[in-house]
Amino acid sequence: DGRRVITTAALPHGGFAEYTLADAAGLLPAPEA
């Protein structure tokens, strides 16, 4: 839905890819600064 977030990826689907998975509860808003 277009939100910019930071999080830890849910292995085995890590972040060195075009798409990754993460736990919804662990999403944090990326600082605008």
All heavy atoms as atom14 arrays in JSON, in Angstrom:
{
  "sequence": "DGRRVITTAALPHGGFAEYTLADAAGLLPAPEA",
  "atom14_mask": [
    [1, 1, 1, 1, 1, 1, 1, 1, 0, 0, 0, 0, 0, 0],
    [1, 1, 1, 1, 0, 0, 0, 0, 0, 0, 0, 0, 0, 0],
    [1, 1, 1, 1, 1, 1, 1, 1, 1, 1, 1, 0, 0, 0],
    [1, 1, 1, 1, 1, 1, 1, 1, 1, 1, 1, 0, 0, 0],
    [1, 1, 1, 1, 1, 1, 1, 0, 0, 0, 0, 0, 0, 0],
    [1, 1, 1, 1, 1, 1, 1, 1, 0, 0, 0, 0, 0, 0],
    [1, 1, 1, 1, 1, 1, 1, 0, 0, 0, 0, 0, 0, 0],
    [1, 1, 1, 1, 1, 1, 1, 0, 0, 0, 0, 0, 0, 0],
    [1, 1, 1, 1, 1, 0, 0, 0, 0, 0, 0, 0, 0, 0],
    [1, 1, 1, 1, 1, 0, 0, 0, 0, 0, 0, 0, 0, 0],
    [1, 1, 1, 1, 1, 1, 1, 1, 0, 0, 0, 0, 0, 0],
    [1, 1, 1, 1, 1, 1, 1, 0, 0, 0, 0, 0, 0, 0],
    [1, 1, 1, 1, 1, 1, 1, 1, 1, 1, 0, 0, 0, 0],
    [1, 1, 1, 1, 0, 0, 0, 0, 0, 0, 0, 0, 0, 0],
    [1, 1, 1, 1, 0, 0, 0, 0, 0, 0, 0, 0, 0, 0],
    [1, 1, 1, 1, 1, 1, 1, 1, 1, 1, 1, 0, 0, 0],
    [1, 1, 1, 1, 1, 0, 0, 0, 0, 0, 0, 0, 0, 0],
    [1, 1, 1, 1, 1, 1, 1, 1, 1, 0, 0, 0, 0, 0],
    [1, 1, 1, 1, 1, 1, 1, 1, 1, 1, 1, 1, 0, 0],
    [1, 1, 1, 1, 1, 1, 1, 0, 0, 0, 0, 0, 0, 0],
    [1, 1, 1, 1, 1, 1, 1, 1, 0, 0, 0, 0, 0, 0],
    [1, 1, 1, 1, 1, 0, 0, 0, 0, 0, 0, 0, 0, 0],
    [1, 1, 1, 1, 1, 1, 1, 1, 0, 0, 0, 0, 0, 0],
    [1, 1, 1, 1, 1, 0, 0, 0, 0, 0, 0, 0, 0, 0],
    [1, 1, 1, 1, 1, 0, 0, 0, 0, 0, 0, 0, 0, 0],
    [1, 1, 1, 1, 0, 0, 0, 0, 0, 0, 0, 0, 0, 0],
    [1, 1, 1, 1, 1, 1, 1, 1, 0, 0, 0, 0, 0, 0],
    [1, 1, 1, 1, 1, 1, 1, 1, 0, 0, 0, 0, 0, 0],
    [1, 1, 1, 1, 1, 1, 1, 0, 0, 0, 0, 0, 0, 0],
    [1, 1, 1, 1, 1, 0, 0, 0, 0, 0, 0, 0, 0, 0],
    [1, 1, 1, 1, 1, 1, 1, 0, 0, 0, 0, 0, 0, 0],
    [1, 1, 1, 1, 1, 1, 1, 1, 1, 0, 0, 0, 0, 0],
    [1, 1, 1, 1, 1, 0, 0, 0, 0, 0, 0, 0, 0, 0]
  ],
  "atom14_positions": [
    [[0.82, -1.22, 0.0], [0.0, 0.0, 0.0], [0.85, 1.27, 0.0], [0.36, 2.37, 0.28], [-0.98, 0.01, 1.17], [-0.28, -0.08, 2.54], [0.96, -0.09, 2.57], [-0.99, -0.13, 3.56], [0.0, 0.0, 0.0], [0.0, 0.0, 0.0], [0.0, 0.0, 0.0], [0.0, 0.0, 0.0], [0.0, 0.0, 0.0], [0.0, 0.0, 0.0]],
    [[2.17, 1.12, -0.29], [2.99, 2.28, -0.53], [3.69, 2.89, 0.67], [4.32, 3.94, 0.56], [0.0, 0.0, 0.0], [0.0, 0.0, 0.0], [0.0, 0.0, 0.0], [0.0, 0.0, 0.0], [0.0, 0.0, 0.0], [0.0, 0.0, 0.0], [0.0, 0.0, 0.0], [0.0, 0.0, 0.0], [0.0, 0.0, 0.0], [0.0, 0.0, 0.0]],
    [[3.65, 2.24, 1.82], [4.34, 2.76, 3.0], [5.83, 2.42, 2.94], [6.19, 1.31, 2.58], [3.71, 2.21, 4.28], [2.33, 2.75, 4.6], [1.75, 2.09, 5.84], [1.5, 0.67, 5.62], [1.86, -0.29, 6.46], [2.53, -0.01, 7.57], [1.58, -1.55, 6.18], [0.0, 0.0, 0.0], [0.0, 0.0, 0.0], [0.0, 0.0, 0.0]],
    [[6.65, 3.38, 3.34], [8.1, 3.18, 3.39], [8.46, 2.76, 4.81], [8.2, 3.49, 5.77], [8.81, 4.48, 3.01], [10.32, 4.44, 2.94], [10.84, 5.72, 2.28], [12.26, 5.91, 2.49], [12.79, 6.65, 3.45], [12.02, 7.32, 4.3], [14.11, 6.77, 3.55], [0.0, 0.0, 0.0], [0.0, 0.0, 0.0], [0.0, 0.0, 0.0]],
    [[9.06, 1.58, 4.95], [9.29, 0.99, 6.27], [10.72, 0.47, 6.38], [11.42, 0.28, 5.38], [8.3, -0.16, 6.55], [6.86, 0.34, 6.52], [8.5, -1.31, 5.55], [0.0, 0.0, 0.0], [0.0, 0.0, 0.0], [0.0, 0.0, 0.0], [0.0, 0.0, 0.0], [0.0, 0.0, 0.0], [0.0, 0.0, 0.0], [0.0, 0.0, 0.0]],
    [[11.15, 0.25, 7.64], [12.38, -0.5, 7.88], [12.02, -1.69, 8.75], [11.08, -1.65, 9.55], [13.46, 0.36, 8.57], [13.01, 0.88, 9.93], [13.87, 1.49, 7.66], [14.1, 1.62, 10.69], [0.0, 0.0, 0.0], [0.0, 0.0, 0.0], [0.0, 0.0, 0.0], [0.0, 0.0, 0.0], [0.0, 0.0, 0.0], [0.0, 0.0, 0.0]],
    [[12.78, -2.78, 8.58], [12.47, -3.99, 9.32], [13.59, -5.0, 9.15], [14.52, -4.8, 8.36], [11.14, -4.6, 8.82], [10.71, -5.64, 9.7], [11.29, -5.17, 7.41], [0.0, 0.0, 0.0], [0.0, 0.0, 0.0], [0.0, 0.0, 0.0], [0.0, 0.0, 0.0], [0.0, 0.0, 0.0], [0.0, 0.0, 0.0], [0.0, 0.0, 0.0]],
    [[13.51, -6.08, 9.9], [14.37, -7.23, 9.67], [13.62, -8.21, 8.79], [12.42, -8.44, 8.98], [14.77, -7.9, 11.0], [13.6, -8.18, 11.77], [15.68, -7.0, 11.81], [0.0, 0.0, 0.0], [0.0, 0.0, 0.0], [0.0, 0.0, 0.0], [0.0, 0.0, 0.0], [0.0, 0.0, 0.0], [0.0, 0.0, 0.0], [0.0, 0.0, 0.0]],
    [[14.3, -8.76, 7.81], [13.67, -9.69, 6.87], [13.42, -11.04, 7.53], [14.13, -11.45, 8.45], [14.55, -9.86, 5.65], [0.0, 0.0, 0.0], [0.0, 0.0, 0.0], [0.0, 0.0, 0.0], [0.0, 0.0, 0.0], [0.0, 0.0, 0.0], [0.0, 0.0, 0.0], [0.0, 0.0, 0.0], [0.0, 0.0, 0.0], [0.0, 0.0, 0.0]],
    [[12.39, -11.71, 7.06], [12.03, -13.03, 7.57], [12.74, -14.1, 6.73], [12.33, -14.39, 5.6], [10.52, -13.24, 7.54], [0.0, 0.0, 0.0], [0.0, 0.0, 0.0], [0.0, 0.0, 0.0], [0.0, 0.0, 0.0], [0.0, 0.0, 0.0], [0.0, 0.0, 0.0], [0.0, 0.0, 0.0], [0.0, 0.0, 0.0], [0.0, 0.0, 0.0]],
    [[13.8, -14.66, 7.28], [14.53, -15.71, 6.58], [13.66, -16.94, 6.43], [12.8, -17.2, 7.27], [15.8, -16.03, 7.36], [16.79, -14.87, 7.51], [17.94, -15.25, 8.42], [17.32, -14.4, 6.16], [0.0, 0.0, 0.0], [0.0, 0.0, 0.0], [0.0, 0.0, 0.0], [0.0, 0.0, 0.0], [0.0, 0.0, 0.0], [0.0, 0.0, 0.0]],
    [[13.83, -17.68, 5.33], [14.95, -17.69, 4.38], [14.84, -16.68, 3.24], [15.64, -16.71, 2.32], [14.91, -19.12, 3.85], [13.45, -19.48, 3.86], [12.91, -18.82, 5.1], [0.0, 0.0, 0.0], [0.0, 0.0, 0.0], [0.0, 0.0, 0.0], [0.0, 0.0, 0.0], [0.0, 0.0, 0.0], [0.0, 0.0, 0.0], [0.0, 0.0, 0.0]],
    [[13.84, -15.79, 3.3], [13.63, -14.83, 2.21], [14.19, -13.47, 2.61], [13.45, -12.55, 2.96], [12.15, -14.76, 1.85], [11.56, -16.08, 1.49], [11.86, -16.72, 0.3], [10.7, -16.89, 2.16], [11.2, -17.88, 0.25], [10.5, -18.0, 1.36], [0.0, 0.0, 0.0], [0.0, 0.0, 0.0], [0.0, 0.0, 0.0], [0.0, 0.0, 0.0]],
    [[15.54, -13.35, 2.58], [16.21, -12.14, 3.04], [16.14, -10.99, 2.06], [15.45, -11.05, 1.03], [0.0, 0.0, 0.0], [0.0, 0.0, 0.0], [0.0, 0.0, 0.0], [0.0, 0.0, 0.0], [0.0, 0.0, 0.0], [0.0, 0.0, 0.0], [0.0, 0.0, 0.0], [0.0, 0.0, 0.0], [0.0, 0.0, 0.0], [0.0, 0.0, 0.0]],
    [[16.88, -9.93, 2.37], [16.73, -8.67, 1.67], [17.55, -8.48, 0.42], [17.35, -7.49, -0.3], [0.0, 0.0, 0.0], [0.0, 0.0, 0.0], [0.0, 0.0, 0.0], [0.0, 0.0, 0.0], [0.0, 0.0, 0.0], [0.0, 0.0, 0.0], [0.0, 0.0, 0.0], [0.0, 0.0, 0.0], [0.0, 0.0, 0.0], [0.0, 0.0, 0.0]],
    [[18.49, -9.38, 0.11], [19.27, -9.23, -1.12], [18.49, -9.81, -2.29], [18.87, -10.81, -2.91], [20.64, -9.89, -0.98], [21.47, -9.31, 0.14], [22.25, -10.13, 0.94], [21.48, -7.95, 0.39], [23.0, -9.61, 1.97], [22.23, -7.41, 1.42], [22.98, -8.24, 2.21], [0.0, 0.0, 0.0], [0.0, 0.0, 0.0], [0.0, 0.0, 0.0]],
    [[17.36, -9.17, -2.55], [16.41, -9.62, -3.57], [15.5, -8.45, -3.9], [15.47, -7.43, -3.2], [15.59, -10.8, -3.07], [0.0, 0.0, 0.0], [0.0, 0.0, 0.0], [0.0, 0.0, 0.0], [0.0, 0.0, 0.0], [0.0, 0.0, 0.0], [0.0, 0.0, 0.0], [0.0, 0.0, 0.0], [0.0, 0.0, 0.0], [0.0, 0.0, 0.0]],
    [[14.72, -8.58, -4.97], [13.78, -7.52, -5.32], [12.63, -7.46, -4.32], [12.1, -6.38, -4.04], [13.25, -7.75, -6.73], [14.3, -7.56, -7.82], [13.71, -7.76, -9.21], [12.88, -6.94, -9.63], [14.08, -8.77, -9.86], [0.0, 0.0, 0.0], [0.0, 0.0, 0.0], [0.0, 0.0, 0.0], [0.0, 0.0, 0.0], [0.0, 0.0, 0.0]],
    [[12.25, -8.62, -3.81], [11.17, -8.68, -2.82], [11.6, -9.54, -1.65], [12.36, -10.51, -1.81], [9.88, -9.27, -3.45], [9.22, -8.34, -4.44], [9.57, -8.37, -5.79], [8.25, -7.42, -4.04], [8.98, -7.53, -6.71], [7.65, -6.57, -4.95], [8.02, -6.62, -6.28], [7.44, -5.78, -7.18], [0.0, 0.0, 0.0], [0.0, 0.0, 0.0]],
    [[11.12, -9.2, -0.47], [11.44, -9.95, 0.73], [10.18, -10.11, 1.56], [9.14, -9.49, 1.27], [12.53, -9.23, 1.55], [12.96, -10.05, 2.63], [12.02, -7.91, 2.12], [0.0, 0.0, 0.0], [0.0, 0.0, 0.0], [0.0, 0.0, 0.0], [0.0, 0.0, 0.0], [0.0, 0.0, 0.0], [0.0, 0.0, 0.0], [0.0, 0.0, 0.0]],
    [[10.26, -10.93, 2.6], [9.15, -11.09, 3.54], [9.57, -10.54, 4.9], [10.74, -10.52, 5.25], [8.78, -12.57, 3.7], [8.25, -13.31, 2.48], [7.91, -14.75, 2.85], [7.02, -12.62, 1.9], [0.0, 0.0, 0.0], [0.0, 0.0, 0.0], [0.0, 0.0, 0.0], [0.0, 0.0, 0.0], [0.0, 0.0, 0.0], [0.0, 0.0, 0.0]],
    [[8.57, -10.09, 5.65], [8.81, -9.62, 7.02], [7.56, -9.85, 7.84], [6.45, -9.96, 7.3], [9.19, -8.14, 7.04], [0.0, 0.0, 0.0], [0.0, 0.0, 0.0], [0.0, 0.0, 0.0], [0.0, 0.0, 0.0], [0.0, 0.0, 0.0], [0.0, 0.0, 0.0], [0.0, 0.0, 0.0], [0.0, 0.0, 0.0], [0.0, 0.0, 0.0]],
    [[7.73, -9.93, 9.14], [6.59, -10.03, 10.04], [5.89, -8.68, 10.09], [6.52, -7.64, 10.32], [7.04, -10.42, 11.45], [7.59, -11.84, 11.49], [7.17, -12.66, 10.66], [8.44, -12.12, 12.36], [0.0, 0.0, 0.0], [0.0, 0.0, 0.0], [0.0, 0.0, 0.0], [0.0, 0.0, 0.0], [0.0, 0.0, 0.0], [0.0, 0.0, 0.0]],
    [[4.59, -8.68, 9.88], [3.83, -7.43, 9.85], [3.99, -6.66, 11.16], [4.07, -5.42, 11.16], [2.36, -7.71, 9.58], [0.0, 0.0, 0.0], [0.0, 0.0, 0.0], [0.0, 0.0, 0.0], [0.0, 0.0, 0.0], [0.0, 0.0, 0.0], [0.0, 0.0, 0.0], [0.0, 0.0, 0.0], [0.0, 0.0, 0.0], [0.0, 0.0, 0.0]],
    [[4.08, -7.38, 12.27], [4.19, -6.72, 13.58], [5.53, -6.02, 13.77], [5.65, -5.17, 14.66], [3.98, -7.74, 14.69], [0.0, 0.0, 0.0], [0.0, 0.0, 0.0], [0.0, 0.0, 0.0], [0.0, 0.0, 0.0], [0.0, 0.0, 0.0], [0.0, 0.0, 0.0], [0.0, 0.0, 0.0], [0.0, 0.0, 0.0], [0.0, 0.0, 0.0]],
    [[6.53, -6.36, 12.94], [7.86, -5.8, 13.12], [8.17, -4.62, 12.22], [9.28, -4.09, 12.24], [0.0, 0.0, 0.0], [0.0, 0.0, 0.0], [0.0, 0.0, 0.0], [0.0, 0.0, 0.0], [0.0, 0.0, 0.0], [0.0, 0.0, 0.0], [0.0, 0.0, 0.0], [0.0, 0.0, 0.0], [0.0, 0.0, 0.0], [0.0, 0.0, 0.0]],
    [[7.18, -4.17, 11.43], [7.42, -3.04, 10.53], [7.48, -1.73, 11.31], [6.65, -1.48, 12.19], [6.32, -2.95, 9.47], [6.1, -4.16, 8.56], [5.03, -3.84, 7.54], [7.4, -4.56, 7.88], [0.0, 0.0, 0.0], [0.0, 0.0, 0.0], [0.0, 0.0, 0.0], [0.0, 0.0, 0.0], [0.0, 0.0, 0.0], [0.0, 0.0, 0.0]],
    [[8.45, -0.9, 10.98], [8.59, 0.42, 11.59], [8.66, 1.47, 10.5], [9.27, 1.24, 9.44], [9.86, 0.49, 12.44], [9.91, -0.45, 13.65], [11.32, -0.49, 14.22], [8.91, -0.01, 14.72], [0.0, 0.0, 0.0], [0.0, 0.0, 0.0], [0.0, 0.0, 0.0], [0.0, 0.0, 0.0], [0.0, 0.0, 0.0], [0.0, 0.0, 0.0]],
    [[8.06, 2.63, 10.69], [8.11, 3.67, 9.64], [9.53, 4.16, 9.43], [10.25, 4.45, 10.39], [7.2, 4.77, 10.19], [7.12, 4.54, 11.66], [7.26, 3.06, 11.86], [0.0, 0.0, 0.0], [0.0, 0.0, 0.0], [0.0, 0.0, 0.0], [0.0, 0.0, 0.0], [0.0, 0.0, 0.0], [0.0, 0.0, 0.0], [0.0, 0.0, 0.0]],
    [[9.94, 4.26, 8.18], [11.28, 4.76, 7.87], [11.33, 6.26, 8.18], [10.45, 7.01, 7.76], [11.62, 4.51, 6.4], [0.0, 0.0, 0.0], [0.0, 0.0, 0.0], [0.0, 0.0, 0.0], [0.0, 0.0, 0.0], [0.0, 0.0, 0.0], [0.0, 0.0, 0.0], [0.0, 0.0, 0.0], [0.0, 0.0, 0.0], [0.0, 0.0, 0.0]],
    [[12.34, 6.71, 8.91], [12.44, 8.15, 9.23], [12.51, 9.0, 7.97], [13.29, 8.71, 7.05], [13.74, 8.24, 10.03], [13.92, 6.88, 10.61], [13.41, 5.94, 9.56], [0.0, 0.0, 0.0], [0.0, 0.0, 0.0], [0.0, 0.0, 0.0], [0.0, 0.0, 0.0], [0.0, 0.0, 0.0], [0.0, 0.0, 0.0], [0.0, 0.0, 0.0]],
    [[11.72, 10.05, 7.92], [11.7, 10.92, 6.75], [13.03, 11.64, 6.56], [13.38, 12.03, 5.44], [10.56, 11.95, 6.89], [9.18, 11.32, 6.85], [8.08, 12.37, 6.97], [8.4, 13.57, 6.99], [6.9, 11.98, 7.02], [0.0, 0.0, 0.0], [0.0, 0.0, 0.0], [0.0, 0.0, 0.0], [0.0, 0.0, 0.0], [0.0, 0.0, 0.0]],
    [[13.78, 11.83, 7.64], [15.05, 12.55, 7.56], [16.15, 11.74, 6.88], [17.2, 12.3, 6.55], [15.5, 12.96, 8.96], [0.0, 0.0, 0.0], [0.0, 0.0, 0.0], [0.0, 0.0, 0.0], [0.0, 0.0, 0.0], [0.0, 0.0, 0.0], [0.0, 0.0, 0.0], [0.0, 0.0, 0.0], [0.0, 0.0, 0.0], [0.0, 0.0, 0.0]]
  ]
}
